[in-house]
Amino acid sequence: ATSNPKLVVRLAHKIAQWWPVTERKVV
């Protein structure tokens, strides 16, 4: 992660978009 900060930002953005949808399905 520390040696690939741009990739971490890109993947974190994708996860942030995905996470709320997943949480709605769980509840």
mmCIF file of all heavy atoms, coordinates in Angstrom:
data_MODEL
# 
_entry.id   MODEL 
# 
loop_
_atom_site.group_PDB 
_atom_site.id 
_atom_site.type_symbol 
_atom_site.label_atom_id 
_atom_site.label_alt_id 
_atom_site.label_comp_id 
_atom_site.label_asym_id 
_atom_site.label_entity_id 
_atom_site.label_seq_id 
_atom_site.pdbx_PDB_ins_code 
_atom_site.Cartn_x 
_atom_site.Cartn_y 
_atom_site.Cartn_z 
_atom_site.occupancy 
_atom_site.B_iso_or_equiv 
_atom_site.pdbx_formal_charge 
_atom_site.auth_seq_id 
_atom_site.auth_comp_id 
_atom_site.auth_asym_id 
_atom_site.auth_atom_id 
_atom_site.pdbx_PDB_model_num 
ATOM 1   N N   . ALA A 1 1  ? 0.815   -1.222 0.000   1.00 0.00 ? 1  ALA A N   1 
ATOM 2   C CA  . ALA A 1 1  ? 0.000   0.000  0.000   1.00 0.00 ? 1  ALA A CA  1 
ATOM 3   C C   . ALA A 1 1  ? 0.843   1.264  0.000   1.00 0.00 ? 1  ALA A C   1 
ATOM 4   O O   . ALA A 1 1  ? 0.548   2.205  -0.743  1.00 0.00 ? 1  ALA A O   1 
ATOM 5   C CB  . ALA A 1 1  ? -0.948  -0.006 1.194   1.00 0.00 ? 1  ALA A CB  1 
ATOM 6   N N   . THR A 1 2  ? 1.884   1.327  0.808   1.00 0.00 ? 2  THR A N   1 
ATOM 7   C CA  . THR A 1 2  ? 2.664   2.566  0.882   1.00 0.00 ? 2  THR A CA  1 
ATOM 8   C C   . THR A 1 2  ? 3.466   2.819  -0.385  1.00 0.00 ? 2  THR A C   1 
ATOM 9   O O   . THR A 1 2  ? 3.740   3.966  -0.728  1.00 0.00 ? 2  THR A O   1 
ATOM 10  C CB  . THR A 1 2  ? 3.614   2.556  2.095   1.00 0.00 ? 2  THR A CB  1 
ATOM 11  O OG1 . THR A 1 2  ? 4.439   1.404  2.041   1.00 0.00 ? 2  THR A OG1 1 
ATOM 12  C CG2 . THR A 1 2  ? 2.836   2.561  3.399   1.00 0.00 ? 2  THR A CG2 1 
ATOM 13  N N   . SER A 1 3  ? 3.813   1.776  -1.104  1.00 0.00 ? 3  SER A N   1 
ATOM 14  C CA  . SER A 1 3  ? 4.591   1.965  -2.330  1.00 0.00 ? 3  SER A CA  1 
ATOM 15  C C   . SER A 1 3  ? 3.705   2.137  -3.569  1.00 0.00 ? 3  SER A C   1 
ATOM 16  O O   . SER A 1 3  ? 4.211   2.364  -4.662  1.00 0.00 ? 3  SER A O   1 
ATOM 17  C CB  . SER A 1 3  ? 5.567   0.805  -2.530  1.00 0.00 ? 3  SER A CB  1 
ATOM 18  O OG  . SER A 1 3  ? 4.883   -0.417 -2.642  1.00 0.00 ? 3  SER A OG  1 
ATOM 19  N N   . ASN A 1 4  ? 2.391   2.062  -3.405  1.00 0.00 ? 4  ASN A N   1 
ATOM 20  C CA  . ASN A 1 4  ? 1.449   2.224  -4.514  1.00 0.00 ? 4  ASN A CA  1 
ATOM 21  C C   . ASN A 1 4  ? 0.276   3.125  -4.114  1.00 0.00 ? 4  ASN A C   1 
ATOM 22  O O   . ASN A 1 4  ? -0.881  2.728  -4.193  1.00 0.00 ? 4  ASN A O   1 
ATOM 23  C CB  . ASN A 1 4  ? 0.912   0.851  -4.940  1.00 0.00 ? 4  ASN A CB  1 
ATOM 24  C CG  . ASN A 1 4  ? 1.969   -0.017 -5.534  1.00 0.00 ? 4  ASN A CG  1 
ATOM 25  O OD1 . ASN A 1 4  ? 2.363   0.166  -6.674  1.00 0.00 ? 4  ASN A OD1 1 
ATOM 26  N ND2 . ASN A 1 4  ? 2.454   -0.971 -4.749  1.00 0.00 ? 4  ASN A ND2 1 
ATOM 27  N N   . PRO A 1 5  ? 0.555   4.353  -3.701  1.00 0.00 ? 5  PRO A N   1 
ATOM 28  C CA  . PRO A 1 5  ? -0.527  5.207  -3.177  1.00 0.00 ? 5  PRO A CA  1 
ATOM 29  C C   . PRO A 1 5  ? -1.617  5.524  -4.203  1.00 0.00 ? 5  PRO A C   1 
ATOM 30  O O   . PRO A 1 5  ? -2.796  5.619  -3.831  1.00 0.00 ? 5  PRO A O   1 
ATOM 31  C CB  . PRO A 1 5  ? 0.196   6.471  -2.729  1.00 0.00 ? 5  PRO A CB  1 
ATOM 32  C CG  . PRO A 1 5  ? 1.491   6.470  -3.462  1.00 0.00 ? 5  PRO A CG  1 
ATOM 33  C CD  . PRO A 1 5  ? 1.842   5.034  -3.687  1.00 0.00 ? 5  PRO A CD  1 
ATOM 34  N N   . LYS A 1 6  ? -1.274  5.680  -5.474  1.00 0.00 ? 6  LYS A N   1 
ATOM 35  C CA  . LYS A 1 6  ? -2.298  5.976  -6.486  1.00 0.00 ? 6  LYS A CA  1 
ATOM 36  C C   . LYS A 1 6  ? -3.259  4.809  -6.654  1.00 0.00 ? 6  LYS A C   1 
ATOM 37  O O   . LYS A 1 6  ? -4.473  5.002  -6.797  1.00 0.00 ? 6  LYS A O   1 
ATOM 38  C CB  . LYS A 1 6  ? -1.648  6.334  -7.821  1.00 0.00 ? 6  LYS A CB  1 
ATOM 39  C CG  . LYS A 1 6  ? -0.968  7.681  -7.814  1.00 0.00 ? 6  LYS A CG  1 
ATOM 40  C CD  . LYS A 1 6  ? -0.363  7.998  -9.158  1.00 0.00 ? 6  LYS A CD  1 
ATOM 41  C CE  . LYS A 1 6  ? 0.382   9.323  -9.105  1.00 0.00 ? 6  LYS A CE  1 
ATOM 42  N NZ  . LYS A 1 6  ? 0.999   9.652  -10.394 1.00 0.00 ? 6  LYS A NZ  1 
ATOM 43  N N   . LEU A 1 7  ? -2.727  3.601  -6.645  1.00 0.00 ? 7  LEU A N   1 
ATOM 44  C CA  . LEU A 1 7  ? -3.572  2.419  -6.758  1.00 0.00 ? 7  LEU A CA  1 
ATOM 45  C C   . LEU A 1 7  ? -4.467  2.288  -5.526  1.00 0.00 ? 7  LEU A C   1 
ATOM 46  O O   . LEU A 1 7  ? -5.650  1.960  -5.646  1.00 0.00 ? 7  LEU A O   1 
ATOM 47  C CB  . LEU A 1 7  ? -2.715  1.159  -6.928  1.00 0.00 ? 7  LEU A CB  1 
ATOM 48  C CG  . LEU A 1 7  ? -3.467  -0.160 -7.047  1.00 0.00 ? 7  LEU A CG  1 
ATOM 49  C CD1 . LEU A 1 7  ? -4.456  -0.142 -8.202  1.00 0.00 ? 7  LEU A CD1 1 
ATOM 50  C CD2 . LEU A 1 7  ? -2.480  -1.309 -7.188  1.00 0.00 ? 7  LEU A CD2 1 
ATOM 51  N N   . VAL A 1 8  ? -3.930  2.569  -4.352  1.00 0.00 ? 8  VAL A N   1 
ATOM 52  C CA  . VAL A 1 8  ? -4.721  2.510  -3.123  1.00 0.00 ? 8  VAL A CA  1 
ATOM 53  C C   . VAL A 1 8  ? -5.881  3.504  -3.193  1.00 0.00 ? 8  VAL A C   1 
ATOM 54  O O   . VAL A 1 8  ? -7.018  3.165  -2.851  1.00 0.00 ? 8  VAL A O   1 
ATOM 55  C CB  . VAL A 1 8  ? -3.838  2.765  -1.879  1.00 0.00 ? 8  VAL A CB  1 
ATOM 56  C CG1 . VAL A 1 8  ? -4.688  2.986  -0.643  1.00 0.00 ? 8  VAL A CG1 1 
ATOM 57  C CG2 . VAL A 1 8  ? -2.874  1.612  -1.665  1.00 0.00 ? 8  VAL A CG2 1 
ATOM 58  N N   . VAL A 1 9  ? -5.628  4.708  -3.651  1.00 0.00 ? 9  VAL A N   1 
ATOM 59  C CA  . VAL A 1 9  ? -6.690  5.710  -3.771  1.00 0.00 ? 9  VAL A CA  1 
ATOM 60  C C   . VAL A 1 9  ? -7.759  5.231  -4.749  1.00 0.00 ? 9  VAL A C   1 
ATOM 61  O O   . VAL A 1 9  ? -8.964  5.331  -4.472  1.00 0.00 ? 9  VAL A O   1 
ATOM 62  C CB  . VAL A 1 9  ? -6.111  7.076  -4.206  1.00 0.00 ? 9  VAL A CB  1 
ATOM 63  C CG1 . VAL A 1 9  ? -7.212  8.041  -4.610  1.00 0.00 ? 9  VAL A CG1 1 
ATOM 64  C CG2 . VAL A 1 9  ? -5.265  7.662  -3.099  1.00 0.00 ? 9  VAL A CG2 1 
ATOM 65  N N   . ARG A 1 10 ? -7.336  4.707  -5.889  1.00 0.00 ? 10 ARG A N   1 
ATOM 66  C CA  . ARG A 1 10 ? -8.291  4.233  -6.897  1.00 0.00 ? 10 ARG A CA  1 
ATOM 67  C C   . ARG A 1 10 ? -9.151  3.081  -6.356  1.00 0.00 ? 10 ARG A C   1 
ATOM 68  O O   . ARG A 1 10 ? -10.375 3.077  -6.507  1.00 0.00 ? 10 ARG A O   1 
ATOM 69  C CB  . ARG A 1 10 ? -7.545  3.802  -8.163  1.00 0.00 ? 10 ARG A CB  1 
ATOM 70  C CG  . ARG A 1 10 ? -8.481  3.597  -9.335  1.00 0.00 ? 10 ARG A CG  1 
ATOM 71  C CD  . ARG A 1 10 ? -7.731  3.343  -10.614 1.00 0.00 ? 10 ARG A CD  1 
ATOM 72  N NE  . ARG A 1 10 ? -7.551  1.903  -10.749 1.00 0.00 ? 10 ARG A NE  1 
ATOM 73  C CZ  . ARG A 1 10 ? -6.436  1.292  -11.091 1.00 0.00 ? 10 ARG A CZ  1 
ATOM 74  N NH1 . ARG A 1 10 ? -5.363  1.994  -11.354 1.00 0.00 ? 10 ARG A NH1 1 
ATOM 75  N NH2 . ARG A 1 10 ? -6.376  0.002  -11.186 1.00 0.00 ? 10 ARG A NH2 1 
ATOM 76  N N   . LEU A 1 11 ? -8.516  2.136  -5.697  1.00 0.00 ? 11 LEU A N   1 
ATOM 77  C CA  . LEU A 1 11 ? -9.254  0.998  -5.157  1.00 0.00 ? 11 LEU A CA  1 
ATOM 78  C C   . LEU A 1 11 ? -10.133 1.414  -3.976  1.00 0.00 ? 11 LEU A C   1 
ATOM 79  O O   . LEU A 1 11 ? -11.248 0.912  -3.829  1.00 0.00 ? 11 LEU A O   1 
ATOM 80  C CB  . LEU A 1 11 ? -8.284  -0.109 -4.746  1.00 0.00 ? 11 LEU A CB  1 
ATOM 81  C CG  . LEU A 1 11 ? -7.531  -0.770 -5.903  1.00 0.00 ? 11 LEU A CG  1 
ATOM 82  C CD1 . LEU A 1 11 ? -6.501  -1.756 -5.368  1.00 0.00 ? 11 LEU A CD1 1 
ATOM 83  C CD2 . LEU A 1 11 ? -8.482  -1.457 -6.870  1.00 0.00 ? 11 LEU A CD2 1 
ATOM 84  N N   . ALA A 1 12 ? -9.648  2.331  -3.158  1.00 0.00 ? 12 ALA A N   1 
ATOM 85  C CA  . ALA A 1 12 ? -10.451 2.813  -2.031  1.00 0.00 ? 12 ALA A CA  1 
ATOM 86  C C   . ALA A 1 12 ? -11.722 3.495  -2.530  1.00 0.00 ? 12 ALA A C   1 
ATOM 87  O O   . ALA A 1 12 ? -12.795 3.339  -1.935  1.00 0.00 ? 12 ALA A O   1 
ATOM 88  C CB  . ALA A 1 12 ? -9.627  3.770  -1.174  1.00 0.00 ? 12 ALA A CB  1 
ATOM 89  N N   . HIS A 1 13 ? -11.613 4.221  -3.626  1.00 0.00 ? 13 HIS A N   1 
ATOM 90  C CA  . HIS A 1 13 ? -12.793 4.861  -4.215  1.00 0.00 ? 13 HIS A CA  1 
ATOM 91  C C   . HIS A 1 13 ? -13.801 3.808  -4.669  1.00 0.00 ? 13 HIS A C   1 
ATOM 92  O O   . HIS A 1 13 ? -15.000 3.935  -4.418  1.00 0.00 ? 13 HIS A O   1 
ATOM 93  C CB  . HIS A 1 13 ? -12.378 5.761  -5.379  1.00 0.00 ? 13 HIS A CB  1 
ATOM 94  C CG  . HIS A 1 13 ? -13.526 6.424  -6.049  1.00 0.00 ? 13 HIS A CG  1 
ATOM 95  N ND1 . HIS A 1 13 ? -14.230 7.448  -5.463  1.00 0.00 ? 13 HIS A ND1 1 
ATOM 96  C CD2 . HIS A 1 13 ? -14.105 6.196  -7.251  1.00 0.00 ? 13 HIS A CD2 1 
ATOM 97  C CE1 . HIS A 1 13 ? -15.203 7.816  -6.284  1.00 0.00 ? 13 HIS A CE1 1 
ATOM 98  N NE2 . HIS A 1 13 ? -15.146 7.076  -7.370  1.00 0.00 ? 13 HIS A NE2 1 
ATOM 99  N N   . LYS A 1 14 ? -13.321 2.770  -5.312  1.00 0.00 ? 14 LYS A N   1 
ATOM 100 C CA  . LYS A 1 14 ? -14.211 1.692  -5.764  1.00 0.00 ? 14 LYS A CA  1 
ATOM 101 C C   . LYS A 1 14 ? -14.875 1.000  -4.584  1.00 0.00 ? 14 LYS A C   1 
ATOM 102 O O   . LYS A 1 14 ? -16.066 0.689  -4.617  1.00 0.00 ? 14 LYS A O   1 
ATOM 103 C CB  . LYS A 1 14 ? -13.445 0.679  -6.605  1.00 0.00 ? 14 LYS A CB  1 
ATOM 104 C CG  . LYS A 1 14 ? -13.049 1.182  -7.971  1.00 0.00 ? 14 LYS A CG  1 
ATOM 105 C CD  . LYS A 1 14 ? -12.295 0.109  -8.727  1.00 0.00 ? 14 LYS A CD  1 
ATOM 106 C CE  . LYS A 1 14 ? -11.916 0.569  -10.100 1.00 0.00 ? 14 LYS A CE  1 
ATOM 107 N NZ  . LYS A 1 14 ? -13.004 0.496  -11.067 1.00 0.00 ? 14 LYS A NZ  1 
ATOM 108 N N   . ILE A 1 15 ? -14.114 0.767  -3.531  1.00 0.00 ? 15 ILE A N   1 
ATOM 109 C CA  . ILE A 1 15 ? -14.671 0.110  -2.340  1.00 0.00 ? 15 ILE A CA  1 
ATOM 110 C C   . ILE A 1 15 ? -15.699 1.015  -1.666  1.00 0.00 ? 15 ILE A C   1 
ATOM 111 O O   . ILE A 1 15 ? -16.745 0.544  -1.217  1.00 0.00 ? 15 ILE A O   1 
ATOM 112 C CB  . ILE A 1 15 ? -13.550 -0.293 -1.364  1.00 0.00 ? 15 ILE A CB  1 
ATOM 113 C CG1 . ILE A 1 15 ? -12.745 -1.447 -1.971  1.00 0.00 ? 15 ILE A CG1 1 
ATOM 114 C CG2 . ILE A 1 15 ? -14.115 -0.684 -0.004  1.00 0.00 ? 15 ILE A CG2 1 
ATOM 115 C CD1 . ILE A 1 15 ? -11.477 -1.788 -1.214  1.00 0.00 ? 15 ILE A CD1 1 
ATOM 116 N N   . ALA A 1 16 ? -15.435 2.311  -1.617  1.00 0.00 ? 16 ALA A N   1 
ATOM 117 C CA  . ALA A 1 16 ? -16.378 3.246  -1.005  1.00 0.00 ? 16 ALA A CA  1 
ATOM 118 C C   . ALA A 1 16 ? -17.709 3.247  -1.746  1.00 0.00 ? 16 ALA A C   1 
ATOM 119 O O   . ALA A 1 16 ? -18.772 3.400  -1.131  1.00 0.00 ? 16 ALA A O   1 
ATOM 120 C CB  . ALA A 1 16 ? -15.773 4.651  -0.977  1.00 0.00 ? 16 ALA A CB  1 
ATOM 121 N N   . GLN A 1 17 ? -17.675 3.067  -3.049  1.00 0.00 ? 17 GLN A N   1 
ATOM 122 C CA  . GLN A 1 17 ? -18.911 2.995  -3.829  1.00 0.00 ? 17 GLN A CA  1 
ATOM 123 C C   . GLN A 1 17 ? -19.633 1.673  -3.589  1.00 0.00 ? 17 GLN A C   1 
ATOM 124 O O   . GLN A 1 17 ? -20.847 1.614  -3.576  1.00 0.00 ? 17 GLN A O   1 
ATOM 125 C CB  . GLN A 1 17 ? -18.611 3.151  -5.315  1.00 0.00 ? 17 GLN A CB  1 
ATOM 126 C CG  . GLN A 1 17 ? -18.155 4.527  -5.692  1.00 0.00 ? 17 GLN A CG  1 
ATOM 127 C CD  . GLN A 1 17 ? -17.783 4.614  -7.167  1.00 0.00 ? 17 GLN A CD  1 
ATOM 128 O OE1 . GLN A 1 17 ? -17.182 3.697  -7.717  1.00 0.00 ? 17 GLN A OE1 1 
ATOM 129 N NE2 . GLN A 1 17 ? -18.132 5.723  -7.775  1.00 0.00 ? 17 GLN A NE2 1 
ATOM 130 N N   . TRP A 1 18 ? -18.902 0.610  -3.406  1.00 0.00 ? 18 TRP A N   1 
ATOM 131 C CA  . TRP A 1 18 ? -19.459 -0.724 -3.241  1.00 0.00 ? 18 TRP A CA  1 
ATOM 132 C C   . TRP A 1 18 ? -19.973 -0.969 -1.832  1.00 0.00 ? 18 TRP A C   1 
ATOM 133 O O   . TRP A 1 18 ? -20.999 -1.602 -1.643  1.00 0.00 ? 18 TRP A O   1 
ATOM 134 C CB  . TRP A 1 18 ? -18.376 -1.744 -3.604  1.00 0.00 ? 18 TRP A CB  1 
ATOM 135 C CG  . TRP A 1 18 ? -18.666 -3.140 -3.184  1.00 0.00 ? 18 TRP A CG  1 
ATOM 136 C CD1 . TRP A 1 18 ? -19.456 -4.040 -3.836  1.00 0.00 ? 18 TRP A CD1 1 
ATOM 137 C CD2 . TRP A 1 18 ? -18.164 -3.809 -2.025  1.00 0.00 ? 18 TRP A CD2 1 
ATOM 138 N NE1 . TRP A 1 18 ? -19.469 -5.222 -3.150  1.00 0.00 ? 18 TRP A NE1 1 
ATOM 139 C CE2 . TRP A 1 18 ? -18.682 -5.102 -2.029  1.00 0.00 ? 18 TRP A CE2 1 
ATOM 140 C CE3 . TRP A 1 18 ? -17.322 -3.428 -0.978  1.00 0.00 ? 18 TRP A CE3 1 
ATOM 141 C CZ2 . TRP A 1 18 ? -18.397 -6.033 -1.048  1.00 0.00 ? 18 TRP A CZ2 1 
ATOM 142 C CZ3 . TRP A 1 18 ? -17.029 -4.349 0.000   1.00 0.00 ? 18 TRP A CZ3 1 
ATOM 143 C CH2 . TRP A 1 18 ? -17.568 -5.627 -0.037  1.00 0.00 ? 18 TRP A CH2 1 
ATOM 144 N N   . TRP A 1 19 ? -19.279 -0.449 -0.828  1.00 0.00 ? 19 TRP A N   1 
ATOM 145 C CA  . TRP A 1 19 ? -19.580 -0.774 0.570   1.00 0.00 ? 19 TRP A CA  1 
ATOM 146 C C   . TRP A 1 19 ? -21.016 -0.445 0.979   1.00 0.00 ? 19 TRP A C   1 
ATOM 147 O O   . TRP A 1 19 ? -21.690 -1.291 1.574   1.00 0.00 ? 19 TRP A O   1 
ATOM 148 C CB  . TRP A 1 19 ? -18.576 -0.085 1.494   1.00 0.00 ? 19 TRP A CB  1 
ATOM 149 C CG  . TRP A 1 19 ? -18.748 -0.517 2.909   1.00 0.00 ? 19 TRP A CG  1 
ATOM 150 C CD1 . TRP A 1 19 ? -19.355 0.172  3.912   1.00 0.00 ? 19 TRP A CD1 1 
ATOM 151 C CD2 . TRP A 1 19 ? -18.325 -1.760 3.488   1.00 0.00 ? 19 TRP A CD2 1 
ATOM 152 N NE1 . TRP A 1 19 ? -19.325 -0.543 5.075   1.00 0.00 ? 19 TRP A NE1 1 
ATOM 153 C CE2 . TRP A 1 19 ? -18.703 -1.741 4.839   1.00 0.00 ? 19 TRP A CE2 1 
ATOM 154 C CE3 . TRP A 1 19 ? -17.671 -2.872 2.982   1.00 0.00 ? 19 TRP A CE3 1 
ATOM 155 C CZ2 . TRP A 1 19 ? -18.444 -2.799 5.696   1.00 0.00 ? 19 TRP A CZ2 1 
ATOM 156 C CZ3 . TRP A 1 19 ? -17.407 -3.926 3.844   1.00 0.00 ? 19 TRP A CZ3 1 
ATOM 157 C CH2 . TRP A 1 19 ? -17.797 -3.876 5.171   1.00 0.00 ? 19 TRP A CH2 1 
ATOM 158 N N   . PRO A 1 20 ? -21.550 0.750  0.703   1.00 0.00 ? 20 PRO A N   1 
ATOM 159 C CA  . PRO A 1 20 ? -22.925 1.041  1.141   1.00 0.00 ? 20 PRO A CA  1 
ATOM 160 C C   . PRO A 1 20 ? -23.941 0.071  0.550   1.00 0.00 ? 20 PRO A C   1 
ATOM 161 O O   . PRO A 1 20 ? -24.895 -0.300 1.216   1.00 0.00 ? 20 PRO A O   1 
ATOM 162 C CB  . PRO A 1 20 ? -23.167 2.472  0.646   1.00 0.00 ? 20 PRO A CB  1 
ATOM 163 C CG  . PRO A 1 20 ? -21.810 3.054  0.484   1.00 0.00 ? 20 PRO A CG  1 
ATOM 164 C CD  . PRO A 1 20 ? -20.920 1.904  0.084   1.00 0.00 ? 20 PRO A CD  1 
ATOM 165 N N   . VAL A 1 21 ? -23.755 -0.341 -0.691  1.00 0.00 ? 21 VAL A N   1 
ATOM 166 C CA  . VAL A 1 21 ? -24.676 -1.286 -1.321  1.00 0.00 ? 21 VAL A CA  1 
ATOM 167 C C   . VAL A 1 21 ? -24.633 -2.612 -0.573  1.00 0.00 ? 21 VAL A C   1 
ATOM 168 O O   . VAL A 1 21 ? -25.661 -3.214 -0.277  1.00 0.00 ? 21 VAL A O   1 
ATOM 169 C CB  . VAL A 1 21 ? -24.309 -1.488 -2.811  1.00 0.00 ? 21 VAL A CB  1 
ATOM 170 C CG1 . VAL A 1 21 ? -25.133 -2.600 -3.429  1.00 0.00 ? 21 VAL A CG1 1 
ATOM 171 C CG2 . VAL A 1 21 ? -24.485 -0.186 -3.563  1.00 0.00 ? 21 VAL A CG2 1 
ATOM 172 N N   . THR A 1 22 ? -23.439 -3.060 -0.242  1.00 0.00 ? 22 THR A N   1 
ATOM 173 C CA  . THR A 1 22 ? -23.276 -4.312 0.483   1.00 0.00 ? 22 THR A CA  1 
ATOM 174 C C   . THR A 1 22 ? -23.922 -4.225 1.860   1.00 0.00 ? 22 THR A C   1 
ATOM 175 O O   . THR A 1 22 ? -24.604 -5.141 2.297   1.00 0.00 ? 22 THR A O   1 
ATOM 176 C CB  . THR A 1 22 ? -21.778 -4.648 0.632   1.00 0.00 ? 22 THR A CB  1 
ATOM 177 O OG1 . THR A 1 22 ? -21.207 -4.707 -0.668  1.00 0.00 ? 22 THR A OG1 1 
ATOM 178 C CG2 . THR A 1 22 ? -21.567 -5.970 1.331   1.00 0.00 ? 22 THR A CG2 1 
ATOM 179 N N   . GLU A 1 23 ? -23.726 -3.122 2.553   1.00 0.00 ? 23 GLU A N   1 
ATOM 180 C CA  . GLU A 1 23 ? -24.293 -2.955 3.882   1.00 0.00 ? 23 GLU A CA  1 
ATOM 181 C C   . GLU A 1 23 ? -25.824 -2.951 3.832   1.00 0.00 ? 23 GLU A C   1 
ATOM 182 O O   . GLU A 1 23 ? -26.473 -3.519 4.694   1.00 0.00 ? 23 GLU A O   1 
ATOM 183 C CB  . GLU A 1 23 ? -23.768 -1.664 4.510   1.00 0.00 ? 23 GLU A CB  1 
ATOM 184 C CG  . GLU A 1 23 ? -23.459 -1.833 5.971   1.00 0.00 ? 23 GLU A CG  1 
ATOM 185 C CD  . GLU A 1 23 ? -22.695 -0.670 6.521   1.00 0.00 ? 23 GLU A CD  1 
ATOM 186 O OE1 . GLU A 1 23 ? -23.307 0.382  6.790   1.00 0.00 ? 23 GLU A OE1 1 
ATOM 187 O OE2 . GLU A 1 23 ? -21.472 -0.814 6.698   1.00 0.00 ? 23 GLU A OE2 1 
ATOM 188 N N   . ARG A 1 24 ? -26.400 -2.336 2.807   1.00 0.00 ? 24 ARG A N   1 
ATOM 189 C CA  . ARG A 1 24 ? -27.860 -2.340 2.675   1.00 0.00 ? 24 ARG A CA  1 
ATOM 190 C C   . ARG A 1 24 ? -28.385 -3.761 2.511   1.00 0.00 ? 24 ARG A C   1 
ATOM 191 O O   . ARG A 1 24 ? -29.410 -4.122 3.059   1.00 0.00 ? 24 ARG A O   1 
ATOM 192 C CB  . ARG A 1 24 ? -28.292 -1.483 1.489   1.00 0.00 ? 24 ARG A CB  1 
ATOM 193 C CG  . ARG A 1 24 ? -28.198 0.002  1.750   1.00 0.00 ? 24 ARG A CG  1 
ATOM 194 C CD  . ARG A 1 24 ? -28.957 0.808  0.710   1.00 0.00 ? 24 ARG A CD  1 
ATOM 195 N NE  . ARG A 1 24 ? -28.540 0.569  -0.645  1.00 0.00 ? 24 ARG A NE  1 
ATOM 196 C CZ  . ARG A 1 24 ? -27.605 1.266  -1.293  1.00 0.00 ? 24 ARG A CZ  1 
ATOM 197 N NH1 . ARG A 1 24 ? -26.986 2.257  -0.699  1.00 0.00 ? 24 ARG A NH1 1 
ATOM 198 N NH2 . ARG A 1 24 ? -27.301 0.982  -2.523  1.00 0.00 ? 24 ARG A NH2 1 
ATOM 199 N N   . LYS A 1 25 ? -27.646 -4.573 1.771   1.00 0.00 ? 25 LYS A N   1 
ATOM 200 C CA  . LYS A 1 25 ? -28.079 -5.951 1.574   1.00 0.00 ? 25 LYS A CA  1 
ATOM 201 C C   . LYS A 1 25 ? -28.008 -6.738 2.876   1.00 0.00 ? 25 LYS A C   1 
ATOM 202 O O   . LYS A 1 25 ? -28.848 -7.579 3.153   1.00 0.00 ? 25 LYS A O   1 
ATOM 203 C CB  . LYS A 1 25 ? -27.240 -6.620 0.491   1.00 0.00 ? 25 LYS A CB  1 
ATOM 204 C CG  . LYS A 1 25 ? -27.540 -6.097 -0.888  1.00 0.00 ? 25 LYS A CG  1 
ATOM 205 C CD  . LYS A 1 25 ? -26.705 -6.755 -1.949  1.00 0.00 ? 25 LYS A CD  1 
ATOM 206 C CE  . LYS A 1 25 ? -27.036 -6.190 -3.308  1.00 0.00 ? 25 LYS A CE  1 
ATOM 207 N NZ  . LYS A 1 25 ? -26.272 -6.830 -4.373  1.00 0.00 ? 25 LYS A NZ  1 
ATOM 208 N N   . VAL A 1 26 ? -27.010 -6.463 3.688   1.00 0.00 ? 26 VAL A N   1 
ATOM 209 C CA  . VAL A 1 26 ? -26.842 -7.181 4.956   1.00 0.00 ? 26 VAL A CA  1 
ATOM 210 C C   . VAL A 1 26 ? -28.001 -6.892 5.910   1.00 0.00 ? 26 VAL A C   1 
ATOM 211 O O   . VAL A 1 26 ? -28.518 -7.771 6.568   1.00 0.00 ? 26 VAL A O   1 
ATOM 212 C CB  . VAL A 1 26 ? -25.480 -6.833 5.619   1.00 0.00 ? 26 VAL A CB  1 
ATOM 213 C CG1 . VAL A 1 26 ? -25.414 -7.339 7.046   1.00 0.00 ? 26 VAL A CG1 1 
ATOM 214 C CG2 . VAL A 1 26 ? -24.334 -7.395 4.791   1.00 0.00 ? 26 VAL A CG2 1 
ATOM 215 N N   . VAL A 1 27 ? -28.438 -5.653 5.989   1.00 0.00 ? 27 VAL A N   1 
ATOM 216 C CA  . VAL A 1 27 ? -29.505 -5.298 6.919   1.00 0.00 ? 27 VAL A CA  1 
ATOM 217 C C   . VAL A 1 27 ? -30.881 -5.503 6.304   1.00 0.00 ? 27 VAL A C   1 
ATOM 218 O O   . VAL A 1 27 ? -31.892 -5.213 6.934   1.00 0.00 ? 27 VAL A O   1 
ATOM 219 C CB  . VAL A 1 27 ? -29.358 -3.850 7.450   1.00 0.00 ? 27 VAL A CB  1 
ATOM 220 C CG1 . VAL A 1 27 ? -28.113 -3.707 8.268   1.00 0.00 ? 27 VAL A CG1 1 
ATOM 221 C CG2 . VAL A 1 27 ? -29.427 -2.845 6.349   1.00 0.00 ? 27 VAL A CG2 1 
# 
